[in-house]
């Protein structure tokens, strides 16, 4: 098993690592580029989910929870900590970009 996964240079999906593809039981990871106004929805499969804003500003919703316009850095190499939303995995997660954004979605 190798955990080295190359990112794609173009397109919305930067990388996707499912538990099955990585030979893991619980942990999953994906990263996505979103254009202004673009959304992505994630079926958590009952797993706890953390949406990390790598760059840009996004709104994260899941069930009754809503984190509006979080994020402040241009990208992962800015000298600022990322914003993140931790969700219990009881409902689908939606992420909407306000301007260009990159997000990581981590599940366990």
PDB file of N, CA and C in Angstrom:
ATOM      1  N   UNK A   1       0.839  -1.168   0.000  1.00  0.00           N
ATOM      2  CA  UNK A   1       0.000   0.000   0.000  1.00  0.00           C
ATOM      3  C   UNK A   1       0.889   1.237   0.000  1.00  0.00           C
ATOM      4  N   UNK A   2       0.560   2.206  -0.855  1.00  0.00           N
ATOM      5  CA  UNK A   2       1.273   3.475  -0.892  1.00  0.00           C
ATOM      6  C   UNK A   2       0.298   4.606  -0.611  1.00  0.00           C
ATOM      7  N   UNK A   3       0.685   5.507   0.270  1.00  0.00           N
ATOM      8  CA  UNK A   3      -0.153   6.657   0.565  1.00  0.00           C
ATOM      9  C   UNK A   3       0.257   7.871  -0.247  1.00  0.00           C
ATOM     10  N   UNK A   4       1.207   7.708  -1.164  1.00  0.00           N
ATOM     11  CA  UNK A   4       1.617   8.800  -2.035  1.00  0.00           C
ATOM     12  C   UNK A   4       0.613   8.913  -3.180  1.00  0.00           C
ATOM     13  N   UNK A   5      -0.049  10.048  -3.261  1.00  0.00           N
ATOM     14  CA  UNK A   5      -1.052  10.283  -4.289  1.00  0.00           C
ATOM     15  C   UNK A   5      -0.722  11.604  -4.963  1.00  0.00           C
ATOM     16  N   UNK A   6      -0.604  11.590  -6.272  1.00  0.00           N
ATOM     17  CA  UNK A   6      -0.280  12.808  -7.014  1.00  0.00           C
ATOM     18  C   UNK A   6      -1.532  13.639  -7.242  1.00  0.00           C
ATOM     19  N   UNK A   7      -1.379  14.939  -7.107  1.00  0.00           N
ATOM     20  CA  UNK A   7      -2.478  15.875  -7.350  1.00  0.00           C
ATOM     21  C   UNK A   7      -2.629  16.128  -8.843  1.00  0.00           C
ATOM     22  N   UNK A   8      -3.849  16.425  -9.258  1.00  0.00           N
ATOM     23  CA  UNK A   8      -4.063  16.817 -10.650  1.00  0.00           C
ATOM     24  C   UNK A   8      -3.828  18.316 -10.762  1.00  0.00           C
ATOM     25  N   UNK A   9      -3.298  18.747 -11.878  1.00  0.00           N
ATOM     26  CA  UNK A   9      -2.983  20.169 -12.072  1.00  0.00           C
ATOM     27  C   UNK A   9      -4.185  20.971 -12.536  1.00  0.00           C
ATOM     28  N   UNK A  10      -5.152  20.307 -13.138  1.00  0.00           N
ATOM     29  CA  UNK A  10      -6.320  21.001 -13.685  1.00  0.00           C
ATOM     30  C   UNK A  10      -7.590  20.303 -13.226  1.00  0.00           C
ATOM     31  N   UNK A  11      -8.700  21.037 -13.340  1.00  0.00           N
ATOM     32  CA  UNK A  11      -9.989  20.462 -12.990  1.00  0.00           C
ATOM     33  C   UNK A  11     -10.367  20.742 -11.548  1.00  0.00           C
ATOM     34  N   UNK A  12     -11.562  20.375 -11.204  1.00  0.00           N
ATOM     35  CA  UNK A  12     -12.086  20.664  -9.876  1.00  0.00           C
ATOM     36  C   UNK A  12     -11.482  19.784  -8.796  1.00  0.00           C
ATOM     37  N   UNK A  13     -11.356  18.494  -9.058  1.00  0.00           N
ATOM     38  CA  UNK A  13     -10.851  17.567  -8.044  1.00  0.00           C
ATOM     39  C   UNK A  13      -9.325  17.531  -8.084  1.00  0.00           C
ATOM     40  N   UNK A  14      -8.698  17.956  -6.994  1.00  0.00           N
ATOM     41  CA  UNK A  14      -7.237  17.954  -6.901  1.00  0.00           C
ATOM     42  C   UNK A  14      -6.746  16.556  -6.586  1.00  0.00           C
ATOM     43  N   UNK A  15      -7.371  15.914  -5.589  1.00  0.00           N
ATOM     44  CA  UNK A  15      -6.998  14.564  -5.178  1.00  0.00           C
ATOM     45  C   UNK A  15      -8.177  13.948  -4.436  1.00  0.00           C
ATOM     46  N   UNK A  16      -8.314  12.625  -4.567  1.00  0.00           N
ATOM     47  CA  UNK A  16      -9.354  11.901  -3.837  1.00  0.00           C
ATOM     48  C   UNK A  16      -8.757  10.588  -3.334  1.00  0.00           C
ATOM     49  N   UNK A  17      -8.854  10.398  -2.019  1.00  0.00           N
ATOM     50  CA  UNK A  17      -8.370   9.163  -1.404  1.00  0.00           C
ATOM     51  C   UNK A  17      -9.517   8.597  -0.572  1.00  0.00           C
ATOM     52  N   UNK A  18     -10.124   7.538  -1.067  1.00  0.00           N
ATOM     53  CA  UNK A  18     -11.192   6.886  -0.311  1.00  0.00           C
ATOM     54  C   UNK A  18     -10.572   5.859   0.636  1.00  0.00           C
ATOM     55  N   UNK A  19     -11.270   5.509   1.706  1.00  0.00           N
ATOM     56  CA  UNK A  19     -10.726   4.476   2.591  1.00  0.00           C
ATOM     57  C   UNK A  19     -10.413   3.181   1.840  1.00  0.00           C
ATOM     58  N   UNK A  20     -11.298   2.777   0.937  1.00  0.00           N
ATOM     59  CA  UNK A  20     -11.079   1.523   0.198  1.00  0.00           C
ATOM     60  C   UNK A  20      -9.848   1.605  -0.700  1.00  0.00           C
ATOM     61  N   UNK A  21      -9.670   2.738  -1.392  1.00  0.00           N
ATOM     62  CA  UNK A  21      -8.536   2.893  -2.312  1.00  0.00           C
ATOM     63  C   UNK A  21      -7.201   2.913  -1.564  1.00  0.00           C
ATOM     64  N   UNK A  22      -7.202   3.416  -0.332  1.00  0.00           N
ATOM     65  CA  UNK A  22      -5.965   3.521   0.440  1.00  0.00           C
ATOM     66  C   UNK A  22      -5.722   2.301   1.322  1.00  0.00           C
ATOM     67  N   UNK A  23      -6.660   1.359   1.315  1.00  0.00           N
ATOM     68  CA  UNK A  23      -6.512   0.191   2.168  1.00  0.00           C
ATOM     69  C   UNK A  23      -6.751   0.516   3.641  1.00  0.00           C
ATOM     70  N   UNK A  24      -7.510   1.571   3.887  1.00  0.00           N
ATOM     71  CA  UNK A  24      -7.816   1.984   5.252  1.00  0.00           C
ATOM     72  C   UNK A  24      -9.265   1.653   5.573  1.00  0.00           C
ATOM     73  N   UNK A  25      -9.593   1.617   6.837  1.00  0.00           N
ATOM     74  CA  UNK A  25     -10.974   1.299   7.204  1.00  0.00           C
ATOM     75  C   UNK A  25     -11.843   2.532   7.347  1.00  0.00           C
ATOM     76  N   UNK A  26     -11.266   3.644   7.792  1.00  0.00           N
ATOM     77  CA  UNK A  26     -12.116   4.760   8.164  1.00  0.00           C
ATOM     78  C   UNK A  26     -11.745   6.107   7.554  1.00  0.00           C
ATOM     79  N   UNK A  27     -10.495   6.354   7.299  1.00  0.00           N
ATOM     80  CA  UNK A  27     -10.031   7.695   6.941  1.00  0.00           C
ATOM     81  C   UNK A  27     -10.121   7.936   5.438  1.00  0.00           C
ATOM     82  N   UNK A  28     -10.684   9.100   5.066  1.00  0.00           N
ATOM     83  CA  UNK A  28     -10.747   9.516   3.675  1.00  0.00           C
ATOM     84  C   UNK A  28     -10.297  10.960   3.549  1.00  0.00           C
ATOM     85  N   UNK A  29      -9.849  11.350   2.358  1.00  0.00           N
ATOM     86  CA  UNK A  29      -9.366  12.703   2.124  1.00  0.00           C
ATOM     87  C   UNK A  29      -9.616  13.081   0.677  1.00  0.00           C
ATOM     88  N   UNK A  30     -10.039  14.316   0.477  1.00  0.00           N
ATOM     89  CA  UNK A  30     -10.130  14.852  -0.882  1.00  0.00           C
ATOM     90  C   UNK A  30      -9.854  16.342  -0.823  1.00  0.00           C
ATOM     91  N   UNK A  31      -9.396  16.893  -1.935  1.00  0.00           N
ATOM     92  CA  UNK A  31      -9.170  18.330  -2.040  1.00  0.00           C
ATOM     93  C   UNK A  31      -9.758  18.792  -3.360  1.00  0.00           C
ATOM     94  N   UNK A  32     -10.340  19.995  -3.352  1.00  0.00           N
ATOM     95  CA  UNK A  32     -11.093  20.476  -4.519  1.00  0.00           C
ATOM     96  C   UNK A  32     -10.854  21.954  -4.770  1.00  0.00           C
ATOM     97  N   UNK A  33     -10.838  22.324  -6.063  1.00  0.00           N
ATOM     98  CA  UNK A  33     -10.805  23.716  -6.478  1.00  0.00           C
ATOM     99  C   UNK A  33     -12.230  24.120  -6.824  1.00  0.00           C
ATOM    100  N   UNK A  34     -12.672  25.245  -6.299  1.00  0.00           N
ATOM    101  CA  UNK A  34     -14.017  25.721  -6.590  1.00  0.00           C
ATOM    102  C   UNK A  34     -13.944  27.116  -7.199  1.00  0.00           C
ATOM    103  N   UNK A  35     -14.706  27.339  -8.253  1.00  0.00           N
ATOM    104  CA  UNK A  35     -14.817  28.662  -8.861  1.00  0.00           C
ATOM    105  C   UNK A  35     -15.836  29.473  -8.075  1.00  0.00           C
ATOM    106  N   UNK A  36     -15.858  30.762  -8.300  1.00  0.00           N
ATOM    107  CA  UNK A  36     -16.798  31.655  -7.628  1.00  0.00           C
ATOM    108  C   UNK A  36     -18.229  31.144  -7.815  1.00  0.00           C
ATOM    109  N   UNK A  37     -18.940  30.941  -6.718  1.00  0.00           N
ATOM    110  CA  UNK A  37     -20.328  30.486  -6.761  1.00  0.00           C
ATOM    111  C   UNK A  37     -20.501  28.986  -6.922  1.00  0.00           C
ATOM    112  N   UNK A  38     -19.435  28.263  -7.180  1.00  0.00           N
ATOM    113  CA  UNK A  38     -19.520  26.812  -7.363  1.00  0.00           C
ATOM    114  C   UNK A  38     -19.676  26.116  -6.007  1.00  0.00           C
ATOM    115  N   UNK A  39     -20.406  24.996  -6.011  1.00  0.00           N
ATOM    116  CA  UNK A  39     -20.634  24.223  -4.798  1.00  0.00           C
ATOM    117  C   UNK A  39     -20.217  22.781  -5.005  1.00  0.00           C
ATOM    118  N   UNK A  40     -19.918  22.135  -3.895  1.00  0.00           N
ATOM    119  CA  UNK A  40     -19.671  20.700  -3.899  1.00  0.00           C
ATOM    120  C   UNK A  40     -20.455  20.124  -2.735  1.00  0.00           C
ATOM    121  N   UNK A  41     -21.086  18.970  -2.953  1.00  0.00           N
ATOM    122  CA  UNK A  41     -21.804  18.273  -1.887  1.00  0.00           C
ATOM    123  C   UNK A  41     -21.119  16.945  -1.626  1.00  0.00           C
ATOM    124  N   UNK A  42     -21.052  16.601  -0.359  1.00  0.00           N
ATOM    125  CA  UNK A  42     -20.357  15.378   0.051  1.00  0.00           C
ATOM    126  C   UNK A  42     -21.292  14.537   0.904  1.00  0.00           C
ATOM    127  N   UNK A  43     -21.438  13.272   0.515  1.00  0.00           N
ATOM    128  CA  UNK A  43     -22.161  12.318   1.353  1.00  0.00           C
ATOM    129  C   UNK A  43     -21.133  11.762   2.327  1.00  0.00           C
ATOM    130  N   UNK A  44     -21.281  12.059   3.593  1.00  0.00           N
ATOM    131  CA  UNK A  44     -20.277  11.689   4.590  1.00  0.00           C
ATOM    132  C   UNK A  44     -20.261  10.197   4.915  1.00  0.00           C
ATOM    133  N   UNK A  45     -21.305   9.493   4.519  1.00  0.00           N
ATOM    134  CA  UNK A  45     -21.365   8.064   4.816  1.00  0.00           C
ATOM    135  C   UNK A  45     -21.367   7.791   6.312  1.00  0.00           C
ATOM    136  N   UNK A  46     -21.832   8.778   7.102  1.00  0.00           N
ATOM    137  CA  UNK A  46     -21.871   8.599   8.546  1.00  0.00           C
ATOM    138  C   UNK A  46     -20.547   8.873   9.231  1.00  0.00           C
ATOM    139  N   UNK A  47     -19.517   9.256   8.450  1.00  0.00           N
ATOM    140  CA  UNK A  47     -18.206   9.539   9.046  1.00  0.00           C
ATOM    141  C   UNK A  47     -18.127  11.010   9.460  1.00  0.00           C
ATOM    142  N   UNK A  48     -17.437  11.271  10.564  1.00  0.00           N
ATOM    143  CA  UNK A  48     -17.185  12.644  10.971  1.00  0.00           C
ATOM    144  C   UNK A  48     -16.383  13.334   9.867  1.00  0.00           C
ATOM    145  N   UNK A  49     -16.639  14.626   9.674  1.00  0.00           N
ATOM    146  CA  UNK A  49     -16.056  15.342   8.537  1.00  0.00           C
ATOM    147  C   UNK A  49     -15.464  16.659   8.995  1.00  0.00           C
ATOM    148  N   UNK A  50     -14.300  16.991   8.456  1.00  0.00           N
ATOM    149  CA  UNK A  50     -13.679  18.287   8.691  1.00  0.00           C
ATOM    150  C   UNK A  50     -13.414  18.928   7.335  1.00  0.00           C
ATOM    151  N   UNK A  51     -13.999  20.093   7.117  1.00  0.00           N
ATOM    152  CA  UNK A  51     -13.760  20.851   5.892  1.00  0.00           C
ATOM    153  C   UNK A  51     -12.715  21.909   6.231  1.00  0.00           C
ATOM    154  N   UNK A  52     -11.555  21.843   5.576  1.00  0.00           N
ATOM    155  CA  UNK A  52     -10.466  22.788   5.814  1.00  0.00           C
ATOM    156  C   UNK A  52     -10.390  23.723   4.616  1.00  0.00           C
ATOM    157  N   UNK A  53     -10.447  25.027   4.877  1.00  0.00           N
ATOM    158  CA  UNK A  53     -10.381  26.023   3.810  1.00  0.00           C
ATOM    159  C   UNK A  53      -8.900  26.291   3.524  1.00  0.00           C
ATOM    160  N   UNK A  54      -8.394  25.697   2.438  1.00  0.00           N
ATOM    161  CA  UNK A  54      -6.986  25.861   2.080  1.00  0.00           C
ATOM    162  C   UNK A  54      -6.712  27.261   1.545  1.00  0.00           C
ATOM    163  N   UNK A  55      -7.681  27.817   0.833  1.00  0.00           N
ATOM    164  CA  UNK A  55      -7.555  29.168   0.298  1.00  0.00           C
ATOM    165  C   UNK A  55      -8.912  29.678  -0.128  1.00  0.00           C
ATOM    166  N   UNK A  56      -9.122  30.985   0.004  1.00  0.00           N
ATOM    167  CA  UNK A  56     -10.392  31.577  -0.386  1.00  0.00           C
ATOM    168  C   UNK A  56     -11.375  31.641   0.763  1.00  0.00           C
ATOM    169  N   UNK A  57     -12.632  31.885   0.396  1.00  0.00           N
ATOM    170  CA  UNK A  57     -13.721  32.031   1.371  1.00  0.00           C
ATOM    171  C   UNK A  57     -14.871  31.143   0.927  1.00  0.00           C
ATOM    172  N   UNK A  58     -15.435  30.383   1.868  1.00  0.00           N
ATOM    173  CA  UNK A  58     -16.529  29.467   1.555  1.00  0.00           C
ATOM    174  C   UNK A  58     -17.592  29.518   2.639  1.00  0.00           C
ATOM    175  N   UNK A  59     -18.768  29.009   2.296  1.00  0.00           N
ATOM    176  CA  UNK A  59     -19.823  28.747   3.271  1.00  0.00           C
ATOM    177  C   UNK A  59     -20.014  27.239   3.333  1.00  0.00           C
ATOM    178  N   UNK A  60     -20.008  26.694   4.552  1.00  0.00           N
ATOM    179  CA  UNK A  60     -20.170  25.257   4.771  1.00  0.00           C
ATOM    180  C   UNK A  60     -21.498  25.040   5.485  1.00  0.00           C
ATOM    181  N   UNK A  61     -22.338  24.136   4.946  1.00  0.00           N
ATOM    182  CA  UNK A  61     -23.594  23.794   5.606  1.00  0.00           C
ATOM    183  C   UNK A  61     -23.723  22.284   5.720  1.00  0.00           C
ATOM    184  N   UNK A  62     -24.350  21.868   6.816  1.00  0.00           N
ATOM    185  CA  UNK A  62     -24.623  20.455   7.036  1.00  0.00           C
ATOM    186  C   UNK A  62     -25.779  20.369   8.026  1.00  0.00           C
ATOM    187  N   UNK A  63     -26.922  19.884   7.553  1.00  0.00           N
ATOM    188  CA  UNK A  63     -28.094  19.860   8.412  1.00  0.00           C
ATOM    189  C   UNK A  63     -28.434  21.275   8.846  1.00  0.00           C
ATOM    190  N   UNK A  64     -28.600  21.490  10.148  1.00  0.00           N
ATOM    191  CA  UNK A  64     -28.930  22.814  10.678  1.00  0.00           C
ATOM    192  C   UNK A  64     -27.692  23.690  10.872  1.00  0.00           C
ATOM    193  N   UNK A  65     -26.510  23.130  10.782  1.00  0.00           N
ATOM    194  CA  UNK A  65     -25.277  23.891  10.990  1.00  0.00           C
ATOM    195  C   UNK A  65     -24.903  24.666   9.726  1.00  0.00           C
ATOM    196  N   UNK A  66     -24.459  25.896   9.918  1.00  0.00           N
ATOM    197  CA  UNK A  66     -24.020  26.720   8.798  1.00  0.00           C
ATOM    198  C   UNK A  66     -22.870  27.612   9.247  1.00  0.00           C
ATOM    199  N   UNK A  67     -21.772  27.547   8.519  1.00  0.00           N
ATOM    200  CA  UNK A  67     -20.598  28.381   8.786  1.00  0.00           C
ATOM    201  C   UNK A  67     -20.433  29.277   7.570  1.00  0.00           C
ATOM    202  N   UNK A  68     -20.818  30.538   7.711  1.00  0.00           N
ATOM    203  CA  UNK A  68     -20.900  31.456   6.576  1.00  0.00           C
ATOM    204  C   UNK A  68     -19.607  32.235   6.369  1.00  0.00           C
ATOM    205  N   UNK A  69     -19.166  32.186   5.120  1.00  0.00           N
ATOM    206  CA  UNK A  69     -18.029  32.979   4.646  1.00  0.00           C
ATOM    207  C   UNK A  69     -16.811  32.858   5.556  1.00  0.00           C
ATOM    208  N   UNK A  70     -16.341  31.611   5.712  1.00  0.00           N
ATOM    209  CA  UNK A  70     -15.138  31.368   6.508  1.00  0.00           C
ATOM    210  C   UNK A  70     -13.938  31.240   5.577  1.00  0.00           C
ATOM    211  N   UNK A  71     -12.782  31.597   6.099  1.00  0.00           N
ATOM    212  CA  UNK A  71     -11.545  31.559   5.332  1.00  0.00           C
ATOM    213  C   UNK A  71     -10.997  32.962   5.164  1.00  0.00           C
ATOM    214  N   UNK A  72      -9.650  33.059   5.112  1.00  0.00           N
ATOM    215  CA  UNK A  72      -9.058  34.375   4.978  1.00  0.00           C
ATOM    216  C   UNK A  72      -7.776  34.375   4.173  1.00  0.00           C
ATOM    217  N   UNK A  73      -7.201  33.217   3.936  1.00  0.00           N
ATOM    218  CA  UNK A  73      -5.913  33.224   3.254  1.00  0.00           C
ATOM    219  C   UNK A  73      -6.065  32.938   1.766  1.00  0.00           C
ATOM    220  N   UNK A  74      -5.062  33.330   0.995  1.00  0.00           N
ATOM    221  CA  UNK A  74      -5.098  33.121  -0.459  1.00  0.00           C
ATOM    222  C   UNK A  74      -4.793  31.673  -0.829  1.00  0.00           C
ATOM    223  N   UNK A  75      -3.964  31.008  -0.035  1.00  0.00           N
ATOM    224  CA  UNK A  75      -3.595  29.635  -0.329  1.00  0.00           C
ATOM    225  C   UNK A  75      -2.886  29.002   0.842  1.00  0.00           C
ATOM    226  N   UNK A  76      -2.533  27.729   0.722  1.00  0.00           N
ATOM    227  CA  UNK A  76      -1.962  26.992   1.852  1.00  0.00           C
ATOM    228  C   UNK A  76      -0.573  27.468   2.273  1.00  0.00           C
ATOM    229  N   UNK A  77       0.089  28.278   1.449  1.00  0.00           N
ATOM    230  CA  UNK A  77       1.428  28.725   1.804  1.00  0.00           C
ATOM    231  C   UNK A  77       1.435  30.122   2.417  1.00  0.00           C
ATOM    232  N   UNK A  78       0.264  30.734   2.599  1.00  0.00           N
ATOM    233  CA  UNK A  78       0.174  32.003   3.319  1.00  0.00           C
ATOM    234  C   UNK A  78       0.524  31.772   4.786  1.00  0.00           C
ATOM    235  N   UNK A  79       1.055  32.793   5.428  1.00  0.00           N
ATOM    236  CA  UNK A  79       1.449  32.676   6.826  1.00  0.00           C
ATOM    237  C   UNK A  79       0.257  32.976   7.736  1.00  0.00           C
ATOM    238  N   UNK A  80      -0.762  32.142   7.643  1.00  0.00           N
ATOM    239  CA  UNK A  80      -1.968  32.278   8.461  1.00  0.00           C
ATOM    240  C   UNK A  80      -2.576  30.889   8.624  1.00  0.00           C
ATOM    241  N   UNK A  81      -3.178  30.622   9.773  1.00  0.00           N
ATOM    242  CA  UNK A  81      -3.799  29.306   9.958  1.00  0.00           C
ATOM    243  C   UNK A  81      -5.061  29.182   9.109  1.00  0.00           C
ATOM    244  N   UNK A  82      -5.406  27.954   8.716  1.00  0.00           N
ATOM    245  CA  UNK A  82      -6.624  27.766   7.927  1.00  0.00           C
ATOM    246  C   UNK A  82      -7.875  27.798   8.806  1.00  0.00           C
ATOM    247  N   UNK A  83      -8.983  28.153   8.210  1.00  0.00           N
ATOM    248  CA  UNK A  83     -10.277  28.003   8.865  1.00  0.00           C
ATOM    249  C   UNK A  83     -10.740  26.574   8.610  1.00  0.00           C
ATOM    250  N   UNK A  84     -11.537  26.020   9.519  1.00  0.00           N
ATOM    251  CA  UNK A  84     -12.054  24.665   9.359  1.00  0.00           C
ATOM    252  C   UNK A  84     -13.422  24.551  10.017  1.00  0.00           C
ATOM    253  N   UNK A  85     -14.230  23.658   9.487  1.00  0.00           N
ATOM    254  CA  UNK A  85     -15.539  23.356  10.075  1.00  0.00           C
ATOM    255  C   UNK A  85     -15.570  21.861  10.356  1.00  0.00           C
ATOM    256  N   UNK A  86     -15.783  21.509  11.610  1.00  0.00           N
ATOM    257  CA  UNK A  86     -15.852  20.108  12.028  1.00  0.00           C
ATOM    258  C   UNK A  86     -17.316  19.716  12.166  1.00  0.00           C
ATOM    259  N   UNK A  87     -17.703  18.631  11.476  1.00  0.00           N
ATOM    260  CA  UNK A  87     -19.108  18.225  11.424  1.00  0.00           C
ATOM    261  C   UNK A  87     -19.247  16.766  11.844  1.00  0.00           C
ATOM    262  N   UNK A  88     -20.348  16.419  12.512  1.00  0.00           N
ATOM    263  CA  UNK A  88     -20.483  15.083  13.091  1.00  0.00           C
ATOM    264  C   UNK A  88     -20.783  13.957  12.103  1.00  0.00           C
ATOM    265  N   UNK A  89     -21.064  14.251  10.854  1.00  0.00           N
ATOM    266  CA  UNK A  89     -21.322  13.195   9.881  1.00  0.00           C
ATOM    267  C   UNK A  89     -22.751  12.697   9.866  1.00  0.00           C
ATOM    268  N   UNK A  90     -23.656  13.452  10.455  1.00  0.00           N
ATOM    269  CA  UNK A  90     -25.055  13.022  10.502  1.00  0.00           C
ATOM    270  C   UNK A  90     -25.868  13.528   9.315  1.00  0.00           C
ATOM    271  N   UNK A  91     -25.279  14.383   8.480  1.00  0.00           N
ATOM    272  CA  UNK A  91     -25.988  14.926   7.310  1.00  0.00           C
ATOM    273  C   UNK A  91     -24.980  15.210   6.197  1.00  0.00           C
ATOM    274  N   UNK A  92     -25.499  15.345   4.982  1.00  0.00           N
ATOM    275  CA  UNK A  92     -24.644  15.714   3.849  1.00  0.00           C
ATOM    276  C   UNK A  92     -23.980  17.057   4.118  1.00  0.00           C
ATOM    277  N   UNK A  93     -22.811  17.260   3.540  1.00  0.00           N
ATOM    278  CA  UNK A  93     -22.062  18.508   3.693  1.00  0.00           C
ATOM    279  C   UNK A  93     -22.042  19.218   2.351  1.00  0.00           C
ATOM    280  N   UNK A  94     -22.347  20.515   2.360  1.00  0.00           N
ATOM    281  CA  UNK A  94     -22.271  21.333   1.151  1.00  0.00           C
ATOM    282  C   UNK A  94     -21.286  22.471   1.396  1.00  0.00           C
ATOM    283  N   UNK A  95     -20.442  22.726   0.392  1.00  0.00           N
ATOM    284  CA  UNK A  95     -19.465  23.805   0.464  1.00  0.00           C
ATOM    285  C   UNK A  95     -19.684  24.686  -0.761  1.00  0.00           C
ATOM    286  N   UNK A  96     -19.874  26.005  -0.542  1.00  0.00           N
ATOM    287  CA  UNK A  96     -20.087  26.960  -1.632  1.00  0.00           C
ATOM    288  C   UNK A  96     -18.997  28.025  -1.579  1.00  0.00           C
ATOM    289  N   UNK A  97     -18.363  28.286  -2.718  1.00  0.00           N
ATOM    290  CA  UNK A  97     -17.275  29.245  -2.800  1.00  0.00           C
ATOM    291  C   UNK A  97     -17.767  30.662  -3.014  1.00  0.00           C
ATOM    292  N   UNK A  98     -17.123  31.600  -2.350  1.00  0.00           N
ATOM    293  CA  UNK A  98     -17.353  33.035  -2.550  1.00  0.00           C
ATOM    294  C   UNK A  98     -16.047  33.573  -3.148  1.00  0.00           C
ATOM    295  N   UNK A  99     -15.939  33.494  -4.470  1.00  0.00           N
ATOM    296  CA  UNK A  99     -14.671  33.727  -5.150  1.00  0.00           C
ATOM    297  C   UNK A  99     -13.979  32.392  -5.320  1.00  0.00           C
ATOM    298  N   UNK A 100     -12.844  32.364  -5.985  1.00  0.00           N
ATOM    299  CA  UNK A 100     -12.099  31.111  -6.160  1.00  0.00           C
ATOM    300  C   UNK A 100     -11.645  30.597  -4.803  1.00  0.00           C
ATOM    301  N   UNK A 101     -11.740  29.284  -4.602  1.00  0.00           N
ATOM    302  CA  UNK A 101     -11.376  28.694  -3.315  1.00  0.00           C
ATOM    303  C   UNK A 101     -10.846  27.281  -3.512  1.00  0.00           C
ATOM    304  N   UNK A 102     -10.066  26.830  -2.531  1.00  0.00           N
ATOM    305  CA  UNK A 102      -9.634  25.440  -2.461  1.00  0.00           C
ATOM    306  C   UNK A 102      -9.954  24.921  -1.080  1.00  0.00           C
ATOM    307  N   UNK A 103     -10.542  23.709  -1.026  1.00  0.00           N
ATOM    308  CA  UNK A 103     -10.905  23.105   0.245  1.00  0.00           C
ATOM    309  C   UNK A 103     -10.429  21.664   0.308  1.00  0.00           C
ATOM    310  N   UNK A 104     -10.123  21.226   1.516  1.00  0.00           N
ATOM    311  CA  UNK A 104      -9.826  19.815   1.784  1.00  0.00           C
ATOM    312  C   UNK A 104     -10.992  19.263   2.600  1.00  0.00           C
ATOM    313  N   UNK A 105     -11.386  18.051   2.265  1.00  0.00           N
ATOM    314  CA  UNK A 105     -12.458  17.396   3.005  1.00  0.00           C
ATOM    315  C   UNK A 105     -11.900  16.104   3.582  1.00  0.00           C
ATOM    316  N   UNK A 106     -11.865  16.056   4.903  1.00  0.00           N
ATOM    317  CA  UNK A 106     -11.275  14.928   5.619  1.00  0.00           C
ATOM    318  C   UNK A 106     -12.380  14.194   6.358  1.00  0.00           C
ATOM    319  N   UNK A 107     -12.402  12.871   6.259  1.00  0.00           N
ATOM    320  CA  UNK A 107     -13.450  12.086   6.916  1.00  0.00           C
ATOM    321  C   UNK A 107     -12.810  10.990   7.762  1.00  0.00           C
ATOM    322  N   UNK A 108     -13.481  10.669   8.857  1.00  0.00           N
ATOM    323  CA  UNK A 108     -13.015   9.569   9.703  1.00  0.00           C
ATOM    324  C   UNK A 108     -14.194   9.019  10.482  1.00  0.00           C
TER     325      UNK A 108
END
